[in-house]
N, C-alpha and C. Protein backbone atom coordinates (compact mmCIF):
# COMPACT_ATOMS: atom_id res chain seq x y z
N ILE A 1 -11.46 -2.79 11.62
CA ILE A 1 -11.65 -3.13 10.19
C ILE A 1 -11.37 -4.60 9.99
N ARG A 2 -10.30 -5.08 10.60
CA ARG A 2 -9.92 -6.50 10.40
C ARG A 2 -11.02 -7.48 10.78
N THR A 3 -11.78 -7.14 11.81
CA THR A 3 -12.78 -8.07 12.31
C THR A 3 -14.06 -8.05 11.43
N ASN A 4 -14.12 -7.16 10.45
CA ASN A 4 -15.31 -7.03 9.59
C ASN A 4 -15.08 -7.33 8.13
N ILE A 5 -13.94 -7.96 7.84
CA ILE A 5 -13.64 -8.26 6.45
C ILE A 5 -13.15 -9.69 6.30
N ARG A 6 -13.31 -10.20 5.08
CA ARG A 6 -12.74 -11.52 4.80
C ARG A 6 -11.26 -11.34 4.42
N MET A 7 -10.45 -12.40 4.59
CA MET A 7 -9.04 -12.39 4.25
C MET A 7 -8.35 -11.18 4.90
N ALA A 8 -8.56 -11.04 6.20
CA ALA A 8 -8.09 -9.85 6.92
C ALA A 8 -6.57 -9.60 6.75
N GLU A 9 -5.76 -10.64 6.77
CA GLU A 9 -4.32 -10.43 6.67
C GLU A 9 -3.94 -9.87 5.31
N ILE A 10 -4.56 -10.36 4.25
CA ILE A 10 -4.25 -9.86 2.90
C ILE A 10 -4.73 -8.42 2.75
N VAL A 11 -5.93 -8.14 3.23
CA VAL A 11 -6.48 -6.78 3.10
C VAL A 11 -5.68 -5.81 3.93
N GLU A 12 -5.26 -6.23 5.12
CA GLU A 12 -4.45 -5.34 5.96
C GLU A 12 -3.13 -5.01 5.24
N MET A 13 -2.51 -6.01 4.66
CA MET A 13 -1.25 -5.78 3.92
C MET A 13 -1.48 -4.75 2.79
N ASP A 14 -2.58 -4.93 2.07
CA ASP A 14 -2.93 -4.07 0.98
C ASP A 14 -3.10 -2.63 1.48
N MET A 15 -3.82 -2.48 2.58
CA MET A 15 -4.07 -1.14 3.17
C MET A 15 -2.74 -0.51 3.63
N ARG A 16 -1.90 -1.33 4.22
CA ARG A 16 -0.60 -0.79 4.70
C ARG A 16 0.23 -0.32 3.52
N SER A 17 0.18 -1.03 2.40
CA SER A 17 0.98 -0.63 1.23
C SER A 17 0.41 0.67 0.66
N LEU A 18 -0.90 0.81 0.66
CA LEU A 18 -1.49 2.08 0.16
C LEU A 18 -1.11 3.27 1.06
N ILE A 19 -1.12 3.06 2.37
CA ILE A 19 -0.73 4.11 3.29
C ILE A 19 0.73 4.45 3.11
N ALA A 20 1.56 3.45 2.99
CA ALA A 20 3.02 3.67 2.76
C ALA A 20 3.24 4.46 1.47
N GLY A 21 2.51 4.07 0.43
CA GLY A 21 2.64 4.79 -0.87
C GLY A 21 2.22 6.23 -0.74
N GLY A 22 1.14 6.46 0.06
CA GLY A 22 0.67 7.83 0.30
C GLY A 22 1.75 8.68 1.04
N HIS A 23 2.40 8.05 2.00
CA HIS A 23 3.46 8.76 2.72
C HIS A 23 4.64 9.13 1.80
N ILE A 24 5.03 8.19 0.93
CA ILE A 24 6.10 8.49 -0.02
C ILE A 24 5.71 9.59 -0.96
N ALA A 25 4.50 9.55 -1.52
CA ALA A 25 4.05 10.61 -2.40
C ALA A 25 4.01 11.98 -1.66
N SER A 26 3.55 11.96 -0.42
CA SER A 26 3.51 13.19 0.36
C SER A 26 4.90 13.74 0.57
N ASN A 27 5.84 12.89 0.91
CA ASN A 27 7.24 13.34 1.12
C ASN A 27 7.82 13.90 -0.14
N LYS A 28 7.54 13.27 -1.30
CA LYS A 28 8.09 13.76 -2.56
C LYS A 28 7.53 15.15 -2.90
N ILE A 29 6.24 15.34 -2.65
CA ILE A 29 5.65 16.63 -2.94
C ILE A 29 6.24 17.69 -2.00
N ILE A 30 6.44 17.37 -0.77
CA ILE A 30 7.08 18.29 0.20
C ILE A 30 8.48 18.67 -0.30
N GLN A 31 9.24 17.68 -0.76
CA GLN A 31 10.58 17.96 -1.28
C GLN A 31 10.53 18.90 -2.45
N ILE A 32 9.60 18.68 -3.37
CA ILE A 32 9.49 19.58 -4.56
C ILE A 32 9.12 21.00 -4.09
N ALA A 33 8.17 21.07 -3.16
CA ALA A 33 7.76 22.38 -2.65
C ALA A 33 8.90 23.13 -1.99
N GLU A 34 9.71 22.39 -1.28
CA GLU A 34 10.88 23.00 -0.59
C GLU A 34 11.93 23.43 -1.57
N SER A 35 12.07 22.70 -2.70
CA SER A 35 13.14 23.04 -3.64
C SER A 35 12.75 24.17 -4.59
N ILE A 36 11.46 24.27 -4.99
CA ILE A 36 11.09 25.34 -5.94
C ILE A 36 10.13 26.35 -5.35
N GLY A 37 9.60 26.08 -4.16
CA GLY A 37 8.66 26.99 -3.52
C GLY A 37 7.24 26.55 -3.73
N VAL A 38 6.40 26.80 -2.72
CA VAL A 38 4.99 26.36 -2.79
C VAL A 38 4.25 27.07 -3.93
N THR A 39 4.47 28.38 -4.10
CA THR A 39 3.79 29.13 -5.16
C THR A 39 4.10 28.55 -6.52
N GLU A 40 5.36 28.26 -6.79
CA GLU A 40 5.81 27.72 -8.07
C GLU A 40 5.19 26.34 -8.27
N LEU A 41 5.16 25.53 -7.25
CA LEU A 41 4.59 24.20 -7.34
C LEU A 41 3.09 24.27 -7.70
N LEU A 42 2.35 25.12 -6.99
CA LEU A 42 0.91 25.24 -7.25
C LEU A 42 0.66 25.80 -8.63
N THR A 43 1.48 26.76 -9.06
CA THR A 43 1.35 27.34 -10.38
C THR A 43 1.59 26.22 -11.46
N GLY A 44 2.59 25.43 -11.25
CA GLY A 44 2.89 24.36 -12.20
C GLY A 44 1.79 23.32 -12.29
N ILE A 45 1.20 22.95 -11.13
CA ILE A 45 0.09 22.02 -11.11
C ILE A 45 -1.10 22.56 -11.85
N SER A 46 -1.37 23.84 -11.62
CA SER A 46 -2.50 24.51 -12.27
C SER A 46 -2.30 24.56 -13.79
N GLU A 47 -1.08 24.87 -14.20
CA GLU A 47 -0.77 24.96 -15.66
C GLU A 47 -0.90 23.56 -16.31
N LEU A 48 -0.44 22.54 -15.64
CA LEU A 48 -0.56 21.21 -16.17
C LEU A 48 -2.03 20.83 -16.38
N ARG A 49 -2.85 21.17 -15.41
CA ARG A 49 -4.28 20.88 -15.49
C ARG A 49 -4.91 21.65 -16.66
N GLU A 50 -4.56 22.97 -16.77
CA GLU A 50 -5.13 23.77 -17.82
C GLU A 50 -4.67 23.31 -19.25
N LEU A 51 -3.40 22.96 -19.35
CA LEU A 51 -2.90 22.50 -20.64
C LEU A 51 -3.53 21.18 -21.05
N ALA A 52 -3.72 20.26 -20.07
CA ALA A 52 -4.34 18.99 -20.37
C ALA A 52 -5.79 19.18 -20.80
N GLU A 53 -6.51 20.11 -20.16
CA GLU A 53 -7.87 20.38 -20.56
C GLU A 53 -7.92 20.98 -21.95
N GLN A 54 -7.08 21.95 -22.25
CA GLN A 54 -7.06 22.58 -23.57
C GLN A 54 -6.83 21.57 -24.66
N GLU A 55 -5.84 20.70 -24.43
CA GLU A 55 -5.50 19.71 -25.47
C GLU A 55 -6.57 18.69 -25.61
N MET A 56 -7.19 18.27 -24.50
CA MET A 56 -8.30 17.32 -24.55
C MET A 56 -9.45 17.90 -25.32
N ARG A 57 -9.77 19.15 -25.07
CA ARG A 57 -10.86 19.80 -25.82
C ARG A 57 -10.54 19.95 -27.29
N ARG A 58 -9.25 20.24 -27.60
CA ARG A 58 -8.88 20.37 -29.00
C ARG A 58 -9.09 19.03 -29.74
N ARG A 59 -8.71 17.94 -29.09
CA ARG A 59 -8.82 16.65 -29.72
C ARG A 59 -10.27 16.25 -29.86
N ILE A 60 -11.08 16.52 -28.86
CA ILE A 60 -12.50 16.23 -28.95
C ILE A 60 -13.15 16.99 -30.11
N SER A 61 -12.72 18.24 -30.28
CA SER A 61 -13.31 19.08 -31.31
C SER A 61 -13.04 18.58 -32.74
N THR A 62 -12.08 17.66 -32.89
CA THR A 62 -11.80 17.08 -34.23
C THR A 62 -12.70 15.90 -34.51
N ILE A 63 -13.47 15.47 -33.54
CA ILE A 63 -14.37 14.31 -33.72
C ILE A 63 -15.71 14.83 -34.27
N GLU A 64 -16.26 13.99 -35.13
CA GLU A 64 -17.58 14.33 -35.72
C GLU A 64 -18.65 14.40 -34.65
N ASP A 65 -19.39 15.56 -34.64
CA ASP A 65 -20.51 15.67 -33.75
C ASP A 65 -21.57 14.62 -34.03
N GLY A 66 -22.23 14.15 -33.00
CA GLY A 66 -23.27 13.16 -33.20
C GLY A 66 -23.49 12.28 -32.02
N ASN A 67 -24.37 11.28 -32.18
CA ASN A 67 -24.68 10.35 -31.08
C ASN A 67 -24.19 8.96 -31.46
N TYR A 68 -23.57 8.32 -30.53
CA TYR A 68 -23.02 6.99 -30.77
C TYR A 68 -23.43 6.07 -29.62
N ARG A 69 -23.81 4.82 -29.96
CA ARG A 69 -24.34 3.94 -28.95
C ARG A 69 -23.62 2.58 -28.94
N TYR A 70 -23.51 2.02 -27.77
CA TYR A 70 -22.96 0.66 -27.60
C TYR A 70 -23.59 0.01 -26.39
N THR A 71 -23.85 -1.26 -26.50
CA THR A 71 -24.48 -2.01 -25.40
C THR A 71 -23.56 -3.13 -24.97
N THR A 72 -23.37 -3.27 -23.65
CA THR A 72 -22.58 -4.35 -23.11
C THR A 72 -23.44 -5.14 -22.11
N TRP A 73 -22.91 -6.27 -21.64
CA TRP A 73 -23.67 -7.12 -20.74
C TRP A 73 -22.81 -7.45 -19.51
N ILE A 74 -23.44 -7.47 -18.37
CA ILE A 74 -22.75 -7.82 -17.13
C ILE A 74 -23.29 -9.13 -16.63
N GLU A 75 -22.40 -10.03 -16.28
CA GLU A 75 -22.83 -11.36 -15.85
C GLU A 75 -22.76 -11.51 -14.34
N TRP A 76 -23.79 -12.22 -13.82
CA TRP A 76 -23.78 -12.62 -12.43
C TRP A 76 -24.34 -14.04 -12.40
N HIS A 77 -23.42 -15.00 -12.33
CA HIS A 77 -23.79 -16.40 -12.45
C HIS A 77 -24.56 -16.60 -13.75
N GLU A 78 -25.81 -17.02 -13.68
CA GLU A 78 -26.59 -17.25 -14.92
C GLU A 78 -27.33 -16.01 -15.34
N GLU A 79 -27.28 -14.95 -14.57
CA GLU A 79 -28.01 -13.73 -14.89
C GLU A 79 -27.20 -12.81 -15.80
N ARG A 80 -27.87 -12.16 -16.76
CA ARG A 80 -27.24 -11.21 -17.66
C ARG A 80 -27.91 -9.86 -17.55
N LEU A 81 -27.18 -8.81 -17.31
CA LEU A 81 -27.74 -7.47 -17.15
C LEU A 81 -27.24 -6.63 -18.29
N ARG A 82 -28.19 -6.02 -19.01
CA ARG A 82 -27.89 -5.23 -20.20
C ARG A 82 -27.56 -3.78 -19.81
N LEU A 83 -26.39 -3.30 -20.23
CA LEU A 83 -25.97 -1.92 -19.89
C LEU A 83 -25.71 -1.14 -21.17
N PRO A 84 -26.66 -0.24 -21.53
CA PRO A 84 -26.49 0.59 -22.72
C PRO A 84 -25.68 1.86 -22.39
N CYS A 85 -24.93 2.30 -23.37
CA CYS A 85 -24.16 3.56 -23.21
C CYS A 85 -24.40 4.41 -24.47
N GLN A 86 -24.66 5.67 -24.28
CA GLN A 86 -24.77 6.60 -25.40
C GLN A 86 -23.81 7.72 -25.24
N LEU A 87 -23.07 8.05 -26.30
CA LEU A 87 -22.18 9.21 -26.29
C LEU A 87 -22.70 10.30 -27.21
N GLU A 88 -22.77 11.50 -26.71
CA GLU A 88 -23.06 12.64 -27.55
C GLU A 88 -21.77 13.47 -27.66
N VAL A 89 -21.30 13.65 -28.88
CA VAL A 89 -20.14 14.52 -29.14
C VAL A 89 -20.72 15.86 -29.62
N SER A 90 -20.37 16.91 -28.95
CA SER A 90 -20.82 18.26 -29.27
C SER A 90 -19.67 19.27 -29.10
N GLY A 91 -19.10 19.68 -30.22
CA GLY A 91 -17.98 20.63 -30.14
C GLY A 91 -16.77 20.01 -29.42
N ASP A 92 -16.44 20.62 -28.30
CA ASP A 92 -15.31 20.12 -27.54
C ASP A 92 -15.71 19.39 -26.27
N HIS A 93 -16.93 18.80 -26.30
CA HIS A 93 -17.50 18.20 -25.10
C HIS A 93 -18.03 16.81 -25.41
N LEU A 94 -17.81 15.89 -24.49
CA LEU A 94 -18.35 14.52 -24.56
C LEU A 94 -19.36 14.31 -23.43
N THR A 95 -20.52 13.83 -23.77
CA THR A 95 -21.54 13.49 -22.75
C THR A 95 -21.92 12.03 -22.89
N PHE A 96 -21.65 11.25 -21.84
CA PHE A 96 -21.96 9.85 -21.81
C PHE A 96 -23.22 9.64 -20.95
N SER A 97 -24.15 8.84 -21.45
CA SER A 97 -25.34 8.55 -20.68
C SER A 97 -25.52 7.05 -20.57
N PHE A 98 -25.82 6.65 -19.31
CA PHE A 98 -26.16 5.24 -19.08
C PHE A 98 -27.61 5.09 -18.78
N GLU A 99 -28.42 5.94 -19.38
CA GLU A 99 -29.89 5.82 -19.29
C GLU A 99 -30.29 4.43 -19.79
N GLY A 100 -31.18 3.82 -19.03
CA GLY A 100 -31.57 2.41 -19.37
C GLY A 100 -30.79 1.37 -18.62
N ALA A 101 -29.87 1.80 -17.75
CA ALA A 101 -29.14 0.83 -16.94
C ALA A 101 -30.09 0.05 -16.04
N PRO A 102 -29.77 -1.21 -15.75
CA PRO A 102 -30.66 -2.03 -14.91
C PRO A 102 -30.79 -1.44 -13.50
N THR A 103 -31.92 -1.73 -12.90
CA THR A 103 -32.15 -1.36 -11.54
C THR A 103 -31.11 -1.97 -10.65
N GLN A 104 -30.70 -1.26 -9.60
CA GLN A 104 -29.69 -1.76 -8.65
C GLN A 104 -30.12 -3.16 -8.14
N THR A 105 -29.10 -3.96 -7.86
CA THR A 105 -29.38 -5.35 -7.50
C THR A 105 -29.00 -5.62 -6.05
N THR A 106 -29.25 -6.83 -5.64
CA THR A 106 -28.81 -7.25 -4.32
C THR A 106 -27.42 -7.89 -4.40
N HIS A 107 -26.84 -7.97 -5.58
CA HIS A 107 -25.51 -8.52 -5.75
C HIS A 107 -24.47 -7.51 -5.34
N PHE A 108 -23.31 -7.99 -4.98
CA PHE A 108 -22.25 -7.09 -4.52
C PHE A 108 -21.41 -6.53 -5.64
N PHE A 109 -22.07 -5.88 -6.61
CA PHE A 109 -21.29 -5.18 -7.64
C PHE A 109 -21.89 -3.89 -8.06
N ASN A 110 -22.88 -3.38 -7.39
CA ASN A 110 -23.45 -2.08 -7.72
C ASN A 110 -22.33 -1.02 -7.63
N SER A 111 -22.49 0.06 -8.37
CA SER A 111 -21.43 1.07 -8.39
C SER A 111 -21.99 2.45 -8.17
N LYS A 112 -21.14 3.47 -8.22
CA LYS A 112 -21.52 4.86 -7.96
C LYS A 112 -20.97 5.72 -9.08
N PRO A 113 -21.56 6.89 -9.30
CA PRO A 113 -21.20 7.78 -10.40
C PRO A 113 -19.68 8.18 -10.43
N HIS A 114 -19.12 8.45 -9.23
CA HIS A 114 -17.71 8.89 -9.27
C HIS A 114 -16.78 7.76 -9.73
N ILE A 115 -17.17 6.50 -9.46
CA ILE A 115 -16.38 5.37 -9.93
C ILE A 115 -16.55 5.19 -11.42
N ILE A 116 -17.80 5.28 -11.89
CA ILE A 116 -18.09 5.14 -13.33
C ILE A 116 -17.37 6.22 -14.11
N THR A 117 -17.43 7.48 -13.61
CA THR A 117 -16.79 8.59 -14.31
C THR A 117 -15.31 8.41 -14.39
N SER A 118 -14.71 8.01 -13.31
CA SER A 118 -13.24 7.77 -13.32
C SER A 118 -12.86 6.71 -14.35
N MET A 119 -13.67 5.63 -14.41
CA MET A 119 -13.33 4.58 -15.38
C MET A 119 -13.58 5.05 -16.78
N VAL A 120 -14.66 5.79 -17.05
CA VAL A 120 -14.95 6.28 -18.38
C VAL A 120 -13.84 7.22 -18.88
N VAL A 121 -13.46 8.17 -18.07
CA VAL A 121 -12.41 9.12 -18.46
C VAL A 121 -11.07 8.40 -18.67
N SER A 122 -10.75 7.50 -17.78
CA SER A 122 -9.51 6.75 -17.90
C SER A 122 -9.45 5.93 -19.16
N ASP A 123 -10.52 5.19 -19.45
CA ASP A 123 -10.56 4.33 -20.67
C ASP A 123 -10.57 5.17 -21.92
N CYS A 124 -11.34 6.26 -21.93
CA CYS A 124 -11.41 7.09 -23.13
C CYS A 124 -10.11 7.87 -23.34
N SER A 125 -9.42 8.22 -22.30
CA SER A 125 -8.13 8.91 -22.45
C SER A 125 -7.08 7.97 -23.06
N ASP A 126 -7.26 6.65 -22.88
CA ASP A 126 -6.36 5.70 -23.51
C ASP A 126 -6.43 5.82 -25.02
N VAL A 127 -7.58 6.19 -25.55
CA VAL A 127 -7.79 6.37 -26.97
C VAL A 127 -7.44 7.79 -27.44
N LEU A 128 -7.93 8.77 -26.69
CA LEU A 128 -7.83 10.16 -27.10
C LEU A 128 -6.59 10.86 -26.63
N ALA A 129 -6.03 10.44 -25.51
CA ALA A 129 -4.97 11.25 -24.89
C ALA A 129 -4.01 10.44 -24.07
N PHE A 130 -3.59 9.32 -24.65
CA PHE A 130 -2.68 8.42 -23.87
C PHE A 130 -1.34 9.10 -23.59
N ASP A 131 -1.04 10.15 -24.31
CA ASP A 131 0.26 10.82 -24.15
C ASP A 131 0.19 12.03 -23.20
N LEU A 132 -0.99 12.27 -22.66
CA LEU A 132 -1.18 13.41 -21.70
C LEU A 132 -1.17 12.92 -20.27
N PRO A 133 -0.74 13.77 -19.34
CA PRO A 133 -0.84 13.37 -17.92
C PRO A 133 -2.33 13.34 -17.48
N LEU A 134 -2.72 12.22 -16.92
CA LEU A 134 -4.12 12.09 -16.51
C LEU A 134 -4.35 12.94 -15.23
N ASN A 135 -5.10 14.03 -15.39
CA ASN A 135 -5.39 14.89 -14.27
C ASN A 135 -6.80 15.49 -14.40
N GLN A 136 -7.17 16.35 -13.49
CA GLN A 136 -8.52 16.87 -13.44
C GLN A 136 -8.89 17.61 -14.74
N GLY A 137 -7.90 18.17 -15.42
CA GLY A 137 -8.21 18.89 -16.68
C GLY A 137 -8.90 18.01 -17.71
N MET A 138 -8.52 16.71 -17.73
CA MET A 138 -9.10 15.84 -18.73
C MET A 138 -10.54 15.44 -18.38
N PHE A 139 -10.95 15.66 -17.12
CA PHE A 139 -12.33 15.36 -16.73
C PHE A 139 -13.29 16.50 -17.12
N GLU A 140 -12.74 17.72 -17.25
CA GLU A 140 -13.62 18.87 -17.46
C GLU A 140 -14.49 18.83 -18.70
N PRO A 141 -13.98 18.35 -19.85
CA PRO A 141 -14.82 18.31 -21.05
C PRO A 141 -15.75 17.10 -21.11
N VAL A 142 -15.79 16.28 -20.07
CA VAL A 142 -16.52 15.02 -20.08
C VAL A 142 -17.59 15.02 -19.02
N GLN A 143 -18.82 14.71 -19.39
CA GLN A 143 -19.90 14.57 -18.45
C GLN A 143 -20.46 13.18 -18.55
N VAL A 144 -20.74 12.58 -17.39
CA VAL A 144 -21.24 11.21 -17.33
C VAL A 144 -22.59 11.22 -16.57
N TRP A 145 -23.64 10.71 -17.17
CA TRP A 145 -24.94 10.63 -16.57
C TRP A 145 -25.25 9.22 -16.12
N CYS A 146 -25.46 9.05 -14.81
CA CYS A 146 -25.75 7.76 -14.23
C CYS A 146 -27.09 7.86 -13.50
N PRO A 147 -28.15 7.27 -14.01
CA PRO A 147 -29.48 7.38 -13.37
C PRO A 147 -29.50 6.80 -11.97
N ALA A 148 -30.17 7.49 -11.08
CA ALA A 148 -30.26 7.06 -9.68
C ALA A 148 -31.06 5.75 -9.56
N GLY A 149 -30.62 4.93 -8.58
CA GLY A 149 -31.35 3.71 -8.32
C GLY A 149 -30.99 2.57 -9.28
N THR A 150 -29.88 2.75 -10.03
CA THR A 150 -29.46 1.71 -10.99
C THR A 150 -28.10 1.15 -10.55
N ILE A 151 -27.63 0.19 -11.31
CA ILE A 151 -26.34 -0.42 -10.93
C ILE A 151 -25.18 0.53 -11.11
N VAL A 152 -25.36 1.63 -11.84
CA VAL A 152 -24.29 2.63 -11.98
C VAL A 152 -24.41 3.78 -11.01
N ASN A 153 -25.51 3.81 -10.24
CA ASN A 153 -25.73 4.86 -9.24
C ASN A 153 -26.70 4.35 -8.18
N SER A 154 -26.23 3.37 -7.42
CA SER A 154 -27.07 2.69 -6.45
C SER A 154 -27.22 3.51 -5.19
N SER A 155 -28.29 3.23 -4.47
CA SER A 155 -28.61 3.84 -3.20
C SER A 155 -28.76 2.79 -2.13
N PRO A 156 -28.49 3.13 -0.87
CA PRO A 156 -28.65 2.16 0.24
C PRO A 156 -30.09 1.64 0.24
N PRO A 157 -30.29 0.36 0.55
CA PRO A 157 -29.29 -0.58 1.10
C PRO A 157 -28.60 -1.44 0.04
N ALA A 158 -28.61 -1.03 -1.21
CA ALA A 158 -27.94 -1.83 -2.25
C ALA A 158 -26.44 -1.97 -1.90
N PRO A 159 -25.90 -3.17 -1.96
CA PRO A 159 -24.48 -3.37 -1.64
C PRO A 159 -23.58 -2.86 -2.75
N VAL A 160 -22.50 -2.21 -2.38
CA VAL A 160 -21.51 -1.75 -3.31
C VAL A 160 -20.17 -2.46 -2.97
N ALA A 161 -19.75 -3.28 -3.88
CA ALA A 161 -18.47 -3.98 -3.69
C ALA A 161 -17.92 -4.34 -5.06
N SER A 162 -16.61 -4.38 -5.17
CA SER A 162 -15.98 -4.59 -6.52
C SER A 162 -16.59 -3.57 -7.49
N ALA A 163 -16.90 -2.38 -7.00
CA ALA A 163 -17.62 -1.40 -7.80
C ALA A 163 -16.78 -0.88 -8.97
N HIS A 164 -15.46 -1.04 -8.85
CA HIS A 164 -14.58 -0.62 -9.91
C HIS A 164 -14.28 -1.74 -10.88
N ILE A 165 -14.87 -2.92 -10.63
CA ILE A 165 -14.50 -4.06 -11.53
C ILE A 165 -15.70 -4.40 -12.40
N ASP A 166 -16.68 -5.10 -11.91
CA ASP A 166 -17.73 -5.63 -12.77
C ASP A 166 -18.48 -4.56 -13.58
N VAL A 167 -19.22 -3.73 -12.90
CA VAL A 167 -20.06 -2.72 -13.57
C VAL A 167 -19.18 -1.63 -14.22
N ALA A 168 -18.24 -1.09 -13.44
CA ALA A 168 -17.46 0.04 -13.94
C ALA A 168 -16.56 -0.35 -15.12
N LEU A 169 -15.96 -1.53 -15.09
CA LEU A 169 -15.13 -1.98 -16.20
C LEU A 169 -15.97 -2.08 -17.49
N ASN A 170 -17.15 -2.59 -17.35
CA ASN A 170 -18.07 -2.72 -18.50
C ASN A 170 -18.51 -1.37 -19.01
N ALA A 171 -18.81 -0.48 -18.05
CA ALA A 171 -19.21 0.90 -18.43
C ALA A 171 -18.08 1.60 -19.16
N GLY A 172 -16.87 1.49 -18.66
CA GLY A 172 -15.72 2.14 -19.28
C GLY A 172 -15.47 1.56 -20.68
N MET A 173 -15.59 0.24 -20.82
CA MET A 173 -15.41 -0.38 -22.10
C MET A 173 -16.46 0.08 -23.10
N ALA A 174 -17.70 0.18 -22.66
CA ALA A 174 -18.77 0.64 -23.54
C ALA A 174 -18.54 2.08 -23.98
N ALA A 175 -18.11 2.91 -23.03
CA ALA A 175 -17.81 4.32 -23.37
C ALA A 175 -16.67 4.37 -24.37
N GLN A 176 -15.65 3.59 -24.19
CA GLN A 176 -14.50 3.57 -25.07
C GLN A 176 -14.92 3.12 -26.49
N GLN A 177 -15.81 2.15 -26.57
CA GLN A 177 -16.30 1.68 -27.88
C GLN A 177 -17.11 2.83 -28.59
N CYS A 178 -17.85 3.57 -27.79
CA CYS A 178 -18.57 4.74 -28.40
C CYS A 178 -17.56 5.72 -28.99
N VAL A 179 -16.50 6.00 -28.24
CA VAL A 179 -15.47 6.92 -28.74
C VAL A 179 -14.84 6.38 -30.02
N MET A 180 -14.57 5.07 -30.03
CA MET A 180 -13.97 4.46 -31.21
C MET A 180 -14.89 4.58 -32.44
N MET A 181 -16.19 4.43 -32.24
CA MET A 181 -17.14 4.60 -33.33
C MET A 181 -17.17 6.05 -33.80
N ALA A 182 -17.09 6.98 -32.85
CA ALA A 182 -17.09 8.38 -33.21
C ALA A 182 -15.84 8.74 -34.02
N LEU A 183 -14.70 8.16 -33.64
CA LEU A 183 -13.45 8.39 -34.37
C LEU A 183 -13.57 7.83 -35.77
N GLU A 184 -14.17 6.65 -35.89
CA GLU A 184 -14.33 6.03 -37.20
C GLU A 184 -15.23 6.83 -38.11
N ALA A 185 -16.17 7.59 -37.51
CA ALA A 185 -17.07 8.40 -38.32
C ALA A 185 -16.52 9.79 -38.64
N SER A 186 -15.34 10.04 -38.13
CA SER A 186 -14.74 11.37 -38.29
C SER A 186 -13.68 11.39 -39.38
N ASP A 187 -13.99 12.07 -40.50
CA ASP A 187 -13.08 12.17 -41.64
C ASP A 187 -11.75 12.78 -41.25
N GLU A 188 -11.81 13.79 -40.35
CA GLU A 188 -10.62 14.56 -40.03
C GLU A 188 -9.61 13.78 -39.17
N VAL A 189 -10.13 12.75 -38.45
CA VAL A 189 -9.29 12.03 -37.49
C VAL A 189 -8.70 10.80 -38.20
N THR A 190 -7.51 10.96 -38.75
CA THR A 190 -6.84 9.86 -39.43
C THR A 190 -5.41 9.81 -39.00
N GLY A 191 -4.84 8.63 -38.99
CA GLY A 191 -3.41 8.47 -38.59
C GLY A 191 -3.17 9.08 -37.21
N ASN A 192 -2.14 9.93 -37.16
CA ASN A 192 -1.77 10.58 -35.89
C ASN A 192 -2.37 11.95 -35.72
N HIS A 193 -3.35 12.28 -36.56
CA HIS A 193 -3.89 13.63 -36.50
C HIS A 193 -4.40 13.99 -35.11
N LEU A 194 -5.08 13.03 -34.48
CA LEU A 194 -5.69 13.27 -33.17
C LEU A 194 -4.65 13.56 -32.14
N VAL A 195 -3.52 12.86 -32.20
CA VAL A 195 -2.47 13.00 -31.20
C VAL A 195 -1.63 14.23 -31.43
N ALA A 196 -1.37 14.53 -32.68
CA ALA A 196 -0.48 15.64 -33.00
C ALA A 196 -1.12 16.96 -32.65
N GLY A 197 -0.32 17.92 -32.21
CA GLY A 197 -0.81 19.26 -31.92
C GLY A 197 -1.07 20.05 -33.18
N PRO A 198 -1.62 21.29 -33.09
CA PRO A 198 -1.92 22.07 -34.30
C PRO A 198 -0.65 22.47 -35.01
């Protein structure tokens, strides 16, 4: 790996820290499992996921149904790439579409759907559910559409690098703005209503 990357010493240090962090997390989980039992641990994890999903759906259901749009721009030197985002709110479900995204480029910032989805859910949860534990349950009511062959869903030989920065950051911000517009259009969502439970 070191012979195929720039700034090998820095990247190696970064990778070693990630591996060390993984070992610590693994040891902590083992300790919890040993103290309360594997079954109890798995039950607790499942319940946290289910509770997060239920509360996320409840909060989404207070938002006015409809379609909300926002457009952002991605820069590459003098080039500007237009990235439109559309949000459909329907009941307790959010559907984000990046239909109309630019065709994948030769620049090193093309991204992939799993990266875009992670950024969208993370950014939108900052608005809708900053007080909830970020877990798989919060992903369940959210669908993200990334057209194939575009900068949000590139295919080989398009290069993918900094995929969580340039394109994904802009996509997440656009999705968050759509949510903010939806909240503004929702009579029921005022003050702390969205955050407070029933």
